[in-house]
Amino acid sequence: MLPVLILTIVLIVPFWALIIRPQQQRQREHRAFVETLAPGDRIESFSGIHGTVADVGDDTVQVEVAPDVVITMAKLAVSSRLAAPGSPDPTRAEDPVTTSDPRPTTTSGDLEEGAS
């Protein structure tokens, strides 16, 4: 009986440390984020709806998704705050556009030479 109890404890502790605790921390961080929402913030919901916060209530937020189209959703449905249009997004690194193509290029002259 004692070995079963010890094995159970040995298995529960890592399970809690690796799965339950990180999830609780994410939930705490998300609740803190949602409490900082303010009118004018651009947001994205978990369902993929993008819009601008028009009004913030206790448990709900009104989001303008198009001109004169305002929807009400639960605060906890807001997944992230988006950067304002035209401002650089600090969470995304700018990828330089590469103009060189690593593939060899062929010209019509090369094709004609190979055919003869």
PDB file of N, CA and C in Angstrom:
ATOM      1  N   MET A   1       0.818  -1.191   0.000  1.00  0.00           N
ATOM      2  CA  MET A   1       0.000   0.000   0.000  1.00  0.00           C
ATOM      3  C   MET A   1       0.869   1.266   0.000  1.00  0.00           C
ATOM      4  N   LEU A   2       1.935   1.242   0.765  1.00  0.00           N
ATOM      5  CA  LEU A   2       2.823   2.392   0.845  1.00  0.00           C
ATOM      6  C   LEU A   2       3.503   2.685  -0.497  1.00  0.00           C
ATOM      7  N   PRO A   3       3.973   1.684  -1.242  1.00  0.00           N
ATOM      8  CA  PRO A   3       4.591   1.972  -2.543  1.00  0.00           C
ATOM      9  C   PRO A   3       3.610   2.629  -3.527  1.00  0.00           C
ATOM     10  N   VAL A   4       2.358   2.248  -3.488  1.00  0.00           N
ATOM     11  CA  VAL A   4       1.358   2.845  -4.376  1.00  0.00           C
ATOM     12  C   VAL A   4       1.170   4.317  -4.018  1.00  0.00           C
ATOM     13  N   LEU A   5       1.120   4.629  -2.750  1.00  0.00           N
ATOM     14  CA  LEU A   5       0.961   6.014  -2.302  1.00  0.00           C
ATOM     15  C   LEU A   5       2.172   6.854  -2.711  1.00  0.00           C
ATOM     16  N   ILE A   6       3.345   6.326  -2.549  1.00  0.00           N
ATOM     17  CA  ILE A   6       4.570   7.042  -2.931  1.00  0.00           C
ATOM     18  C   ILE A   6       4.606   7.252  -4.439  1.00  0.00           C
ATOM     19  N   LEU A   7       4.257   6.230  -5.209  1.00  0.00           N
ATOM     20  CA  LEU A   7       4.230   6.355  -6.669  1.00  0.00           C
ATOM     21  C   LEU A   7       3.216   7.409  -7.107  1.00  0.00           C
ATOM     22  N   THR A   8       2.079   7.447  -6.468  1.00  0.00           N
ATOM     23  CA  THR A   8       1.056   8.440  -6.798  1.00  0.00           C
ATOM     24  C   THR A   8       1.580   9.846  -6.539  1.00  0.00           C
ATOM     25  N   ILE A   9       2.207  10.063  -5.431  1.00  0.00           N
ATOM     26  CA  ILE A   9       2.762  11.384  -5.098  1.00  0.00           C
ATOM     27  C   ILE A   9       3.870  11.744  -6.083  1.00  0.00           C
ATOM     28  N   VAL A  10       4.721  10.782  -6.415  1.00  0.00           N
ATOM     29  CA  VAL A  10       5.823  11.029  -7.347  1.00  0.00           C
ATOM     30  C   VAL A  10       5.281  11.417  -8.722  1.00  0.00           C
ATOM     31  N   LEU A  11       4.156  10.884  -9.124  1.00  0.00           N
ATOM     32  CA  LEU A  11       3.576  11.209 -10.423  1.00  0.00           C
ATOM     33  C   LEU A  11       2.772  12.513 -10.394  1.00  0.00           C
ATOM     34  N   ILE A  12       2.130  12.819  -9.296  1.00  0.00           N
ATOM     35  CA  ILE A  12       1.294  14.029  -9.207  1.00  0.00           C
ATOM     36  C   ILE A  12       2.147  15.292  -9.186  1.00  0.00           C
ATOM     37  N   VAL A  13       3.245  15.287  -8.488  1.00  0.00           N
ATOM     38  CA  VAL A  13       4.073  16.490  -8.368  1.00  0.00           C
ATOM     39  C   VAL A  13       4.594  16.963  -9.731  1.00  0.00           C
ATOM     40  N   PRO A  14       5.207  16.122 -10.560  1.00  0.00           N
ATOM     41  CA  PRO A  14       5.655  16.609 -11.875  1.00  0.00           C
ATOM     42  C   PRO A  14       4.479  17.017 -12.778  1.00  0.00           C
ATOM     43  N   PHE A  15       3.377  16.280 -12.702  1.00  0.00           N
ATOM     44  CA  PHE A  15       2.200  16.631 -13.488  1.00  0.00           C
ATOM     45  C   PHE A  15       1.737  18.042 -13.149  1.00  0.00           C
ATOM     46  N   TRP A  16       1.669  18.347 -11.866  1.00  0.00           N
ATOM     47  CA  TRP A  16       1.252  19.688 -11.435  1.00  0.00           C
ATOM     48  C   TRP A  16       2.271  20.733 -11.902  1.00  0.00           C
ATOM     49  N   ALA A  17       3.554  20.446 -11.749  1.00  0.00           N
ATOM     50  CA  ALA A  17       4.593  21.418 -12.083  1.00  0.00           C
ATOM     51  C   ALA A  17       4.695  21.658 -13.586  1.00  0.00           C
ATOM     52  N   LEU A  18       4.455  20.650 -14.395  1.00  0.00           N
ATOM     53  CA  LEU A  18       4.629  20.784 -15.836  1.00  0.00           C
ATOM     54  C   LEU A  18       3.364  21.179 -16.584  1.00  0.00           C
ATOM     55  N   ILE A  19       2.196  20.877 -16.045  1.00  0.00           N
ATOM     56  CA  ILE A  19       0.966  21.122 -16.792  1.00  0.00           C
ATOM     57  C   ILE A  19       0.049  22.124 -16.093  1.00  0.00           C
ATOM     58  N   ILE A  20      -0.294  21.892 -14.870  1.00  0.00           N
ATOM     59  CA  ILE A  20      -1.300  22.720 -14.197  1.00  0.00           C
ATOM     60  C   ILE A  20      -0.759  24.098 -13.850  1.00  0.00           C
ATOM     61  N   ARG A  21       0.408  24.195 -13.275  1.00  0.00           N
ATOM     62  CA  ARG A  21       0.959  25.493 -12.861  1.00  0.00           C
ATOM     63  C   ARG A  21       1.166  26.452 -14.035  1.00  0.00           C
ATOM     64  N   PRO A  22       1.769  26.039 -15.155  1.00  0.00           N
ATOM     65  CA  PRO A  22       1.915  26.976 -16.274  1.00  0.00           C
ATOM     66  C   PRO A  22       0.567  27.463 -16.813  1.00  0.00           C
ATOM     67  N   GLN A  23      -0.434  26.587 -16.830  1.00  0.00           N
ATOM     68  CA  GLN A  23      -1.759  26.998 -17.294  1.00  0.00           C
ATOM     69  C   GLN A  23      -2.360  28.036 -16.353  1.00  0.00           C
ATOM     70  N   GLN A  24      -2.200  27.860 -15.059  1.00  0.00           N
ATOM     71  CA  GLN A  24      -2.699  28.836 -14.093  1.00  0.00           C
ATOM     72  C   GLN A  24      -2.006  30.185 -14.276  1.00  0.00           C
ATOM     73  N   GLN A  25      -0.703  30.168 -14.562  1.00  0.00           N
ATOM     74  CA  GLN A  25       0.025  31.417 -14.791  1.00  0.00           C
ATOM     75  C   GLN A  25      -0.479  32.124 -16.044  1.00  0.00           C
ATOM     76  N   ARG A  26      -0.732  31.363 -17.128  1.00  0.00           N
ATOM     77  CA  ARG A  26      -1.268  31.971 -18.349  1.00  0.00           C
ATOM     78  C   ARG A  26      -2.639  32.583 -18.106  1.00  0.00           C
ATOM     79  N   GLN A  27      -3.479  31.904 -17.332  1.00  0.00           N
ATOM     80  CA  GLN A  27      -4.801  32.440 -17.023  1.00  0.00           C
ATOM     81  C   GLN A  27      -4.692  33.734 -16.219  1.00  0.00           C
ATOM     82  N   ARG A  28      -3.790  33.764 -15.262  1.00  0.00           N
ATOM     83  CA  ARG A  28      -3.583  34.973 -14.458  1.00  0.00           C
ATOM     84  C   ARG A  28      -3.116  36.134 -15.341  1.00  0.00           C
ATOM     85  N   GLU A  29      -2.167  35.863 -16.231  1.00  0.00           N
ATOM     86  CA  GLU A  29      -1.657  36.903 -17.130  1.00  0.00           C
ATOM     87  C   GLU A  29      -2.752  37.400 -18.068  1.00  0.00           C
ATOM     88  N   HIS A  30      -3.594  36.497 -18.569  1.00  0.00           N
ATOM     89  CA  HIS A  30      -4.673  36.900 -19.474  1.00  0.00           C
ATOM     90  C   HIS A  30      -5.702  37.752 -18.744  1.00  0.00           C
ATOM     91  N   ARG A  31      -6.056  37.382 -17.529  1.00  0.00           N
ATOM     92  CA  ARG A  31      -7.015  38.192 -16.749  1.00  0.00           C
ATOM     93  C   ARG A  31      -6.447  39.588 -16.491  1.00  0.00           C
ATOM     94  N   ALA A  32      -5.156  39.662 -16.172  1.00  0.00           N
ATOM     95  CA  ALA A  32      -4.530  40.970 -15.945  1.00  0.00           C
ATOM     96  C   ALA A  32      -4.536  41.784 -17.233  1.00  0.00           C
ATOM     97  N   PHE A  33      -4.265  41.159 -18.378  1.00  0.00           N
ATOM     98  CA  PHE A  33      -4.294  41.848 -19.665  1.00  0.00           C
ATOM     99  C   PHE A  33      -5.685  42.392 -19.960  1.00  0.00           C
ATOM    100  N   VAL A  34      -6.702  41.573 -19.744  1.00  0.00           N
ATOM    101  CA  VAL A  34      -8.077  41.974 -20.059  1.00  0.00           C
ATOM    102  C   VAL A  34      -8.505  43.164 -19.197  1.00  0.00           C
ATOM    103  N   GLU A  35      -8.019  43.231 -17.986  1.00  0.00           N
ATOM    104  CA  GLU A  35      -8.376  44.355 -17.111  1.00  0.00           C
ATOM    105  C   GLU A  35      -7.756  45.666 -17.581  1.00  0.00           C
ATOM    106  N   THR A  36      -6.737  45.618 -18.433  1.00  0.00           N
ATOM    107  CA  THR A  36      -6.097  46.847 -18.909  1.00  0.00           C
ATOM    108  C   THR A  36      -6.699  47.361 -20.214  1.00  0.00           C
ATOM    109  N   LEU A  37      -7.726  46.678 -20.745  1.00  0.00           N
ATOM    110  CA  LEU A  37      -8.342  47.138 -21.991  1.00  0.00           C
ATOM    111  C   LEU A  37      -8.969  48.515 -21.798  1.00  0.00           C
ATOM    112  N   ALA A  38      -8.836  49.346 -22.819  1.00  0.00           N
ATOM    113  CA  ALA A  38      -9.384  50.704 -22.758  1.00  0.00           C
ATOM    114  C   ALA A  38      -9.968  51.052 -24.124  1.00  0.00           C
ATOM    115  N   PRO A  39     -10.930  51.958 -24.160  1.00  0.00           N
ATOM    116  CA  PRO A  39     -11.480  52.387 -25.451  1.00  0.00           C
ATOM    117  C   PRO A  39     -10.372  52.891 -26.369  1.00  0.00           C
ATOM    118  N   GLY A  40     -10.456  52.482 -27.638  1.00  0.00           N
ATOM    119  CA  GLY A  40      -9.452  52.877 -28.618  1.00  0.00           C
ATOM    120  C   GLY A  40      -8.422  51.799 -28.887  1.00  0.00           C
ATOM    121  N   ASP A  41      -8.334  50.792 -28.019  1.00  0.00           N
ATOM    122  CA  ASP A  41      -7.392  49.697 -28.234  1.00  0.00           C
ATOM    123  C   ASP A  41      -7.859  48.842 -29.409  1.00  0.00           C
ATOM    124  N   ARG A  42      -6.923  48.458 -30.282  1.00  0.00           N
ATOM    125  CA  ARG A  42      -7.236  47.514 -31.357  1.00  0.00           C
ATOM    126  C   ARG A  42      -6.991  46.126 -30.798  1.00  0.00           C
ATOM    127  N   ILE A  43      -7.968  45.238 -30.961  1.00  0.00           N
ATOM    128  CA  ILE A  43      -7.884  43.910 -30.359  1.00  0.00           C
ATOM    129  C   ILE A  43      -8.222  42.810 -31.363  1.00  0.00           C
ATOM    130  N   GLU A  44      -7.892  41.586 -30.974  1.00  0.00           N
ATOM    131  CA  GLU A  44      -8.291  40.405 -31.713  1.00  0.00           C
ATOM    132  C   GLU A  44      -8.911  39.448 -30.708  1.00  0.00           C
ATOM    133  N   SER A  45     -10.031  38.840 -31.084  1.00  0.00           N
ATOM    134  CA  SER A  45     -10.665  37.874 -30.193  1.00  0.00           C
ATOM    135  C   SER A  45     -10.134  36.482 -30.501  1.00  0.00           C
ATOM    136  N   PHE A  46     -10.451  35.537 -29.618  1.00  0.00           N
ATOM    137  CA  PHE A  46     -10.027  34.158 -29.845  1.00  0.00           C
ATOM    138  C   PHE A  46     -10.669  33.585 -31.094  1.00  0.00           C
ATOM    139  N   SER A  47     -11.820  34.122 -31.504  1.00  0.00           N
ATOM    140  CA  SER A  47     -12.486  33.625 -32.710  1.00  0.00           C
ATOM    141  C   SER A  47     -11.966  34.299 -33.971  1.00  0.00           C
ATOM    142  N   GLY A  48     -11.024  35.242 -33.833  1.00  0.00           N
ATOM    143  CA  GLY A  48     -10.407  35.871 -34.990  1.00  0.00           C
ATOM    144  C   GLY A  48     -11.021  37.193 -35.393  1.00  0.00           C
ATOM    145  N   ILE A  49     -11.960  37.709 -34.613  1.00  0.00           N
ATOM    146  CA  ILE A  49     -12.579  38.995 -34.925  1.00  0.00           C
ATOM    147  C   ILE A  49     -11.620  40.112 -34.533  1.00  0.00           C
ATOM    148  N   HIS A  50     -11.368  41.031 -35.466  1.00  0.00           N
ATOM    149  CA  HIS A  50     -10.518  42.188 -35.204  1.00  0.00           C
ATOM    150  C   HIS A  50     -11.412  43.404 -35.068  1.00  0.00           C
ATOM    151  N   GLY A  51     -11.050  44.322 -34.184  1.00  0.00           N
ATOM    152  CA  GLY A  51     -11.828  45.537 -34.037  1.00  0.00           C
ATOM    153  C   GLY A  51     -11.181  46.494 -33.057  1.00  0.00           C
ATOM    154  N   THR A  52     -11.893  47.583 -32.812  1.00  0.00           N
ATOM    155  CA  THR A  52     -11.438  48.620 -31.889  1.00  0.00           C
ATOM    156  C   THR A  52     -12.390  48.676 -30.708  1.00  0.00           C
ATOM    157  N   VAL A  53     -11.852  48.706 -29.508  1.00  0.00           N
ATOM    158  CA  VAL A  53     -12.675  48.749 -28.303  1.00  0.00           C
ATOM    159  C   VAL A  53     -13.411  50.086 -28.262  1.00  0.00           C
ATOM    160  N   ALA A  54     -14.736  50.010 -28.161  1.00  0.00           N
ATOM    161  CA  ALA A  54     -15.562  51.216 -28.079  1.00  0.00           C
ATOM    162  C   ALA A  54     -15.922  51.526 -26.629  1.00  0.00           C
ATOM    163  N   ASP A  55     -16.201  50.479 -25.850  1.00  0.00           N
ATOM    164  CA  ASP A  55     -16.590  50.682 -24.457  1.00  0.00           C
ATOM    165  C   ASP A  55     -16.225  49.429 -23.669  1.00  0.00           C
ATOM    166  N   VAL A  56     -15.875  49.619 -22.392  1.00  0.00           N
ATOM    167  CA  VAL A  56     -15.494  48.497 -21.542  1.00  0.00           C
ATOM    168  C   VAL A  56     -16.432  48.458 -20.356  1.00  0.00           C
ATOM    169  N   GLY A  57     -17.075  47.307 -20.147  1.00  0.00           N
ATOM    170  CA  GLY A  57     -17.943  47.101 -18.994  1.00  0.00           C
ATOM    171  C   GLY A  57     -17.239  46.237 -17.961  1.00  0.00           C
ATOM    172  N   ASP A  58     -18.018  45.740 -16.991  1.00  0.00           N
ATOM    173  CA  ASP A  58     -17.429  44.885 -15.963  1.00  0.00           C
ATOM    174  C   ASP A  58     -16.984  43.548 -16.531  1.00  0.00           C
ATOM    175  N   ASP A  59     -17.880  42.881 -17.266  1.00  0.00           N
ATOM    176  CA  ASP A  59     -17.558  41.568 -17.823  1.00  0.00           C
ATOM    177  C   ASP A  59     -17.565  41.544 -19.344  1.00  0.00           C
ATOM    178  N   THR A  60     -17.972  42.639 -19.969  1.00  0.00           N
ATOM    179  CA  THR A  60     -18.082  42.673 -21.426  1.00  0.00           C
ATOM    180  C   THR A  60     -17.299  43.840 -22.001  1.00  0.00           C
ATOM    181  N   VAL A  61     -17.094  43.769 -23.296  1.00  0.00           N
ATOM    182  CA  VAL A  61     -16.428  44.844 -24.015  1.00  0.00           C
ATOM    183  C   VAL A  61     -17.178  45.022 -25.329  1.00  0.00           C
ATOM    184  N   GLN A  62     -17.394  46.270 -25.721  1.00  0.00           N
ATOM    185  CA  GLN A  62     -18.041  46.555 -26.992  1.00  0.00           C
ATOM    186  C   GLN A  62     -16.944  46.876 -27.997  1.00  0.00           C
ATOM    187  N   VAL A  63     -16.997  46.187 -29.134  1.00  0.00           N
ATOM    188  CA  VAL A  63     -15.944  46.288 -30.130  1.00  0.00           C
ATOM    189  C   VAL A  63     -16.548  46.756 -31.444  1.00  0.00           C
ATOM    190  N   GLU A  64     -15.952  47.802 -32.017  1.00  0.00           N
ATOM    191  CA  GLU A  64     -16.375  48.282 -33.322  1.00  0.00           C
ATOM    192  C   GLU A  64     -15.583  47.501 -34.367  1.00  0.00           C
ATOM    193  N   VAL A  65     -16.306  46.693 -35.159  1.00  0.00           N
ATOM    194  CA  VAL A  65     -15.652  45.840 -36.147  1.00  0.00           C
ATOM    195  C   VAL A  65     -15.692  46.445 -37.541  1.00  0.00           C
ATOM    196  N   ALA A  66     -16.559  47.412 -37.754  1.00  0.00           N
ATOM    197  CA  ALA A  66     -16.677  48.155 -39.009  1.00  0.00           C
ATOM    198  C   ALA A  66     -17.307  49.489 -38.641  1.00  0.00           C
ATOM    199  N   PRO A  67     -17.268  50.476 -39.531  1.00  0.00           N
ATOM    200  CA  PRO A  67     -17.888  51.752 -39.199  1.00  0.00           C
ATOM    201  C   PRO A  67     -19.361  51.568 -38.827  1.00  0.00           C
ATOM    202  N   ASP A  68     -19.717  52.024 -37.645  1.00  0.00           N
ATOM    203  CA  ASP A  68     -21.076  51.953 -37.098  1.00  0.00           C
ATOM    204  C   ASP A  68     -21.570  50.529 -36.860  1.00  0.00           C
ATOM    205  N   VAL A  69     -20.671  49.551 -36.740  1.00  0.00           N
ATOM    206  CA  VAL A  69     -21.046  48.177 -36.399  1.00  0.00           C
ATOM    207  C   VAL A  69     -20.312  47.819 -35.111  1.00  0.00           C
ATOM    208  N   VAL A  70     -21.077  47.740 -34.017  1.00  0.00           N
ATOM    209  CA  VAL A  70     -20.493  47.472 -32.708  1.00  0.00           C
ATOM    210  C   VAL A  70     -21.071  46.167 -32.179  1.00  0.00           C
ATOM    211  N   ILE A  71     -20.195  45.268 -31.752  1.00  0.00           N
ATOM    212  CA  ILE A  71     -20.632  44.010 -31.163  1.00  0.00           C
ATOM    213  C   ILE A  71     -20.201  43.973 -29.701  1.00  0.00           C
ATOM    214  N   THR A  72     -20.932  43.206 -28.914  1.00  0.00           N
ATOM    215  CA  THR A  72     -20.600  43.038 -27.501  1.00  0.00           C
ATOM    216  C   THR A  72     -20.068  41.623 -27.313  1.00  0.00           C
ATOM    217  N   MET A  73     -18.942  41.509 -26.643  1.00  0.00           N
ATOM    218  CA  MET A  73     -18.377  40.192 -26.368  1.00  0.00           C
ATOM    219  C   MET A  73     -17.835  40.166 -24.943  1.00  0.00           C
ATOM    220  N   ALA A  74     -17.647  38.978 -24.442  1.00  0.00           N
ATOM    221  CA  ALA A  74     -17.075  38.807 -23.108  1.00  0.00           C
ATOM    222  C   ALA A  74     -15.631  39.300 -23.117  1.00  0.00           C
ATOM    223  N   LYS A  75     -15.235  39.917 -22.026  1.00  0.00           N
ATOM    224  CA  LYS A  75     -13.850  40.392 -21.925  1.00  0.00           C
ATOM    225  C   LYS A  75     -12.858  39.247 -22.107  1.00  0.00           C
ATOM    226  N   LEU A  76     -13.199  38.092 -21.541  1.00  0.00           N
ATOM    227  CA  LEU A  76     -12.277  36.960 -21.612  1.00  0.00           C
ATOM    228  C   LEU A  76     -12.158  36.394 -23.017  1.00  0.00           C
ATOM    229  N   ALA A  77     -13.006  36.836 -23.966  1.00  0.00           N
ATOM    230  CA  ALA A  77     -12.908  36.388 -25.353  1.00  0.00           C
ATOM    231  C   ALA A  77     -11.845  37.155 -26.124  1.00  0.00           C
ATOM    232  N   VAL A  78     -11.303  38.223 -25.539  1.00  0.00           N
ATOM    233  CA  VAL A  78     -10.262  39.017 -26.194  1.00  0.00           C
ATOM    234  C   VAL A  78      -8.935  38.298 -26.001  1.00  0.00           C
ATOM    235  N   SER A  79      -8.272  37.995 -27.124  1.00  0.00           N
ATOM    236  CA  SER A  79      -7.024  37.236 -27.021  1.00  0.00           C
ATOM    237  C   SER A  79      -5.790  38.114 -26.984  1.00  0.00           C
ATOM    238  N   SER A  80      -5.784  39.217 -27.756  1.00  0.00           N
ATOM    239  CA  SER A  80      -4.569  40.027 -27.792  1.00  0.00           C
ATOM    240  C   SER A  80      -4.871  41.450 -28.223  1.00  0.00           C
ATOM    241  N   ARG A  81      -3.922  42.317 -27.919  1.00  0.00           N
ATOM    242  CA  ARG A  81      -3.989  43.716 -28.344  1.00  0.00           C
ATOM    243  C   ARG A  81      -3.132  43.841 -29.591  1.00  0.00           C
ATOM    244  N   LEU A  82      -3.677  44.487 -30.608  1.00  0.00           N
ATOM    245  CA  LEU A  82      -2.957  44.652 -31.865  1.00  0.00           C
ATOM    246  C   LEU A  82      -2.301  46.023 -31.905  1.00  0.00           C
ATOM    247  N   ALA A  83      -1.260  46.140 -32.709  1.00  0.00           N
ATOM    248  CA  ALA A  83      -0.592  47.424 -32.890  1.00  0.00           C
ATOM    249  C   ALA A  83      -1.519  48.343 -33.683  1.00  0.00           C
ATOM    250  N   ALA A  84      -1.417  49.616 -33.452  1.00  0.00           N
ATOM    251  CA  ALA A  84      -2.215  50.587 -34.191  1.00  0.00           C
ATOM    252  C   ALA A  84      -1.802  50.552 -35.659  1.00  0.00           C
ATOM    253  N   PRO A  85      -2.735  50.838 -36.585  1.00  0.00           N
ATOM    254  CA  PRO A  85      -2.371  50.799 -38.001  1.00  0.00           C
ATOM    255  C   PRO A  85      -1.234  51.772 -38.300  1.00  0.00           C
ATOM    256  N   GLY A  86      -0.274  51.311 -39.045  1.00  0.00           N
ATOM    257  CA  GLY A  86       0.848  52.155 -39.431  1.00  0.00           C
ATOM    258  C   GLY A  86       2.005  52.137 -38.455  1.00  0.00           C
ATOM    259  N   SER A  87       1.786  51.627 -37.239  1.00  0.00           N
ATOM    260  CA  SER A  87       2.886  51.580 -36.283  1.00  0.00           C
ATOM    261  C   SER A  87       3.549  50.213 -36.371  1.00  0.00           C
ATOM    262  N   PRO A  88       4.856  50.157 -36.158  1.00  0.00           N
ATOM    263  CA  PRO A  88       5.534  48.866 -36.238  1.00  0.00           C
ATOM    264  C   PRO A  88       5.096  47.972 -35.087  1.00  0.00           C
ATOM    265  N   ASP A  89       4.968  46.699 -35.368  1.00  0.00           N
ATOM    266  CA  ASP A  89       4.586  45.730 -34.354  1.00  0.00           C
ATOM    267  C   ASP A  89       5.848  45.288 -33.617  1.00  0.00           C
ATOM    268  N   PRO A  90       5.977  45.610 -32.326  1.00  0.00           N
ATOM    269  CA  PRO A  90       7.210  45.273 -31.603  1.00  0.00           C
ATOM    270  C   PRO A  90       7.386  43.779 -31.385  1.00  0.00           C
ATOM    271  N   THR A  91       6.330  42.992 -31.536  1.00  0.00           N
ATOM    272  CA  THR A  91       6.459  41.561 -31.299  1.00  0.00           C
ATOM    273  C   THR A  91       6.941  40.803 -32.521  1.00  0.00           C
ATOM    274  N   ARG A  92       6.937  41.451 -33.680  1.00  0.00           N
ATOM    275  CA  ARG A  92       7.368  40.781 -34.904  1.00  0.00           C
ATOM    276  C   ARG A  92       8.663  41.405 -35.398  1.00  0.00           C
ATOM    277  N   ALA A  93       9.621  40.558 -35.680  1.00  0.00           N
ATOM    278  CA  ALA A  93      10.883  41.037 -36.237  1.00  0.00           C
ATOM    279  C   ALA A  93      10.680  41.304 -37.722  1.00  0.00           C
ATOM    280  N   GLU A  94      11.236  42.389 -38.183  1.00  0.00           N
ATOM    281  CA  GLU A  94      11.116  42.710 -39.593  1.00  0.00           C
ATOM    282  C   GLU A  94      12.038  41.805 -40.391  1.00  0.00           C
ATOM    283  N   ASP A  95      11.475  41.114 -41.349  1.00  0.00           N
ATOM    284  CA  ASP A  95      12.272  40.259 -42.216  1.00  0.00           C
ATOM    285  C   ASP A  95      12.740  41.077 -43.400  1.00  0.00           C
ATOM    286  N   PRO A  96      14.040  41.127 -43.640  1.00  0.00           N
ATOM    287  CA  PRO A  96      14.509  41.861 -44.811  1.00  0.00           C
ATOM    288  C   PRO A  96      14.053  41.140 -46.069  1.00  0.00           C
ATOM    289  N   VAL A  97      13.668  41.883 -47.042  1.00  0.00           N
ATOM    290  CA  VAL A  97      13.238  41.308 -48.307  1.00  0.00           C
ATOM    291  C   VAL A  97      14.484  40.980 -49.111  1.00  0.00           C
ATOM    292  N   THR A  98      14.598  39.731 -49.482  1.00  0.00           N
ATOM    293  CA  THR A  98      15.758  39.332 -50.277  1.00  0.00           C
ATOM    294  C   THR A  98      15.401  39.459 -51.742  1.00  0.00           C
ATOM    295  N   THR A  99      16.271  40.113 -52.468  1.00  0.00           N
ATOM    296  CA  THR A  99      16.018  40.301 -53.893  1.00  0.00           C
ATOM    297  C   THR A  99      16.747  39.281 -54.734  1.00  0.00           C
ATOM    298  N   SER A 100      17.713  38.606 -54.145  1.00  0.00           N
ATOM    299  CA  SER A 100      18.449  37.618 -54.930  1.00  0.00           C
ATOM    300  C   SER A 100      17.759  36.266 -54.807  1.00  0.00           C
ATOM    301  N   ASP A 101      17.659  35.579 -55.908  1.00  0.00           N
ATOM    302  CA  ASP A 101      17.046  34.262 -55.953  1.00  0.00           C
ATOM    303  C   ASP A 101      18.174  33.235 -55.990  1.00  0.00           C
ATOM    304  N   PRO A 102      18.228  32.303 -55.034  1.00  0.00           N
ATOM    305  CA  PRO A 102      19.346  31.351 -55.000  1.00  0.00           C
ATOM    306  C   PRO A 102      19.281  30.318 -56.118  1.00  0.00           C
ATOM    307  N   ARG A 103      18.141  30.225 -56.802  1.00  0.00           N
ATOM    308  CA  ARG A 103      18.041  29.248 -57.886  1.00  0.00           C
ATOM    309  C   ARG A 103      18.757  29.774 -59.119  1.00  0.00           C
ATOM    310  N   PRO A 104      19.389  28.886 -59.879  1.00  0.00           N
ATOM    311  CA  PRO A 104      20.051  29.343 -61.111  1.00  0.00           C
ATOM    312  C   PRO A 104      19.007  29.789 -62.127  1.00  0.00           C
ATOM    313  N   THR A 105      19.346  30.810 -62.852  1.00  0.00           N
ATOM    314  CA  THR A 105      18.424  31.318 -63.862  1.00  0.00           C
ATOM    315  C   THR A 105      18.832  30.810 -65.227  1.00  0.00           C
ATOM    316  N   THR A 106      17.839  30.622 -66.053  1.00  0.00           N
ATOM    317  CA  THR A 106      18.118  30.207 -67.427  1.00  0.00           C
ATOM    318  C   THR A 106      17.555  31.261 -68.354  1.00  0.00           C
ATOM    319  N   THR A 107      18.210  31.441 -69.438  1.00  0.00           N
ATOM    320  CA  THR A 107      17.729  32.379 -70.447  1.00  0.00           C
ATOM    321  C   THR A 107      17.322  31.588 -71.684  1.00  0.00           C
ATOM    322  N   SER A 108      16.644  32.266 -72.578  1.00  0.00           N
ATOM    323  CA  SER A 108      16.210  31.564 -73.781  1.00  0.00           C
ATOM    324  C   SER A 108      17.408  31.089 -74.600  1.00  0.00           C
ATOM    325  N   GLY A 109      18.536  31.795 -74.507  1.00  0.00           N
ATOM    326  CA  GLY A 109      19.751  31.375 -75.192  1.00  0.00           C
ATOM    327  C   GLY A 109      20.279  30.055 -74.659  1.00  0.00           C
ATOM    328  N   ASP A 110      20.186  29.870 -73.308  1.00  0.00           N
ATOM    329  CA  ASP A 110      20.633  28.623 -72.709  1.00  0.00           C
ATOM    330  C   ASP A 110      19.778  27.436 -73.186  1.00  0.00           C
ATOM    331  N   LEU A 111      18.490  27.674 -73.345  1.00  0.00           N
ATOM    332  CA  LEU A 111      17.603  26.610 -73.786  1.00  0.00           C
ATOM    333  C   LEU A 111      17.883  26.194 -75.215  1.00  0.00           C
ATOM    334  N   GLU A 112      18.201  27.187 -76.065  1.00  0.00           N
ATOM    335  CA  GLU A 112      18.475  26.877 -77.456  1.00  0.00           C
ATOM    336  C   GLU A 112      19.782  26.112 -77.610  1.00  0.00           C
ATOM    337  N   GLU A 113      20.772  26.449 -76.771  1.00  0.00           N
ATOM    338  CA  GLU A 113      22.063  25.756 -76.866  1.00  0.00           C
ATOM    339  C   GLU A 113      21.919  24.325 -76.433  1.00  0.00           C
ATOM    340  N   GLY A 114      21.123  24.057 -75.405  1.00  0.00           N
ATOM    341  CA  GLY A 114      20.958  22.708 -74.889  1.00  0.00           C
ATOM    342  C   GLY A 114      20.169  21.834 -75.864  1.00  0.00           C
ATOM    343  N   ALA A 115      19.340  22.420 -76.710  1.00  0.00           N
ATOM    344  CA  ALA A 115      18.511  21.649 -77.624  1.00  0.00           C
ATOM    345  C   ALA A 115      19.301  21.147 -78.810  1.00  0.00           C
ATOM    346  N   SER A 116      20.434  21.771 -79.167  1.00  0.00           N
ATOM    347  CA  SER A 116      21.161  21.361 -80.357  1.00  0.00           C
ATOM    348  C   SER A 116      22.183  20.297 -80.091  1.00  0.00           C
TER     349      SER A 116
END
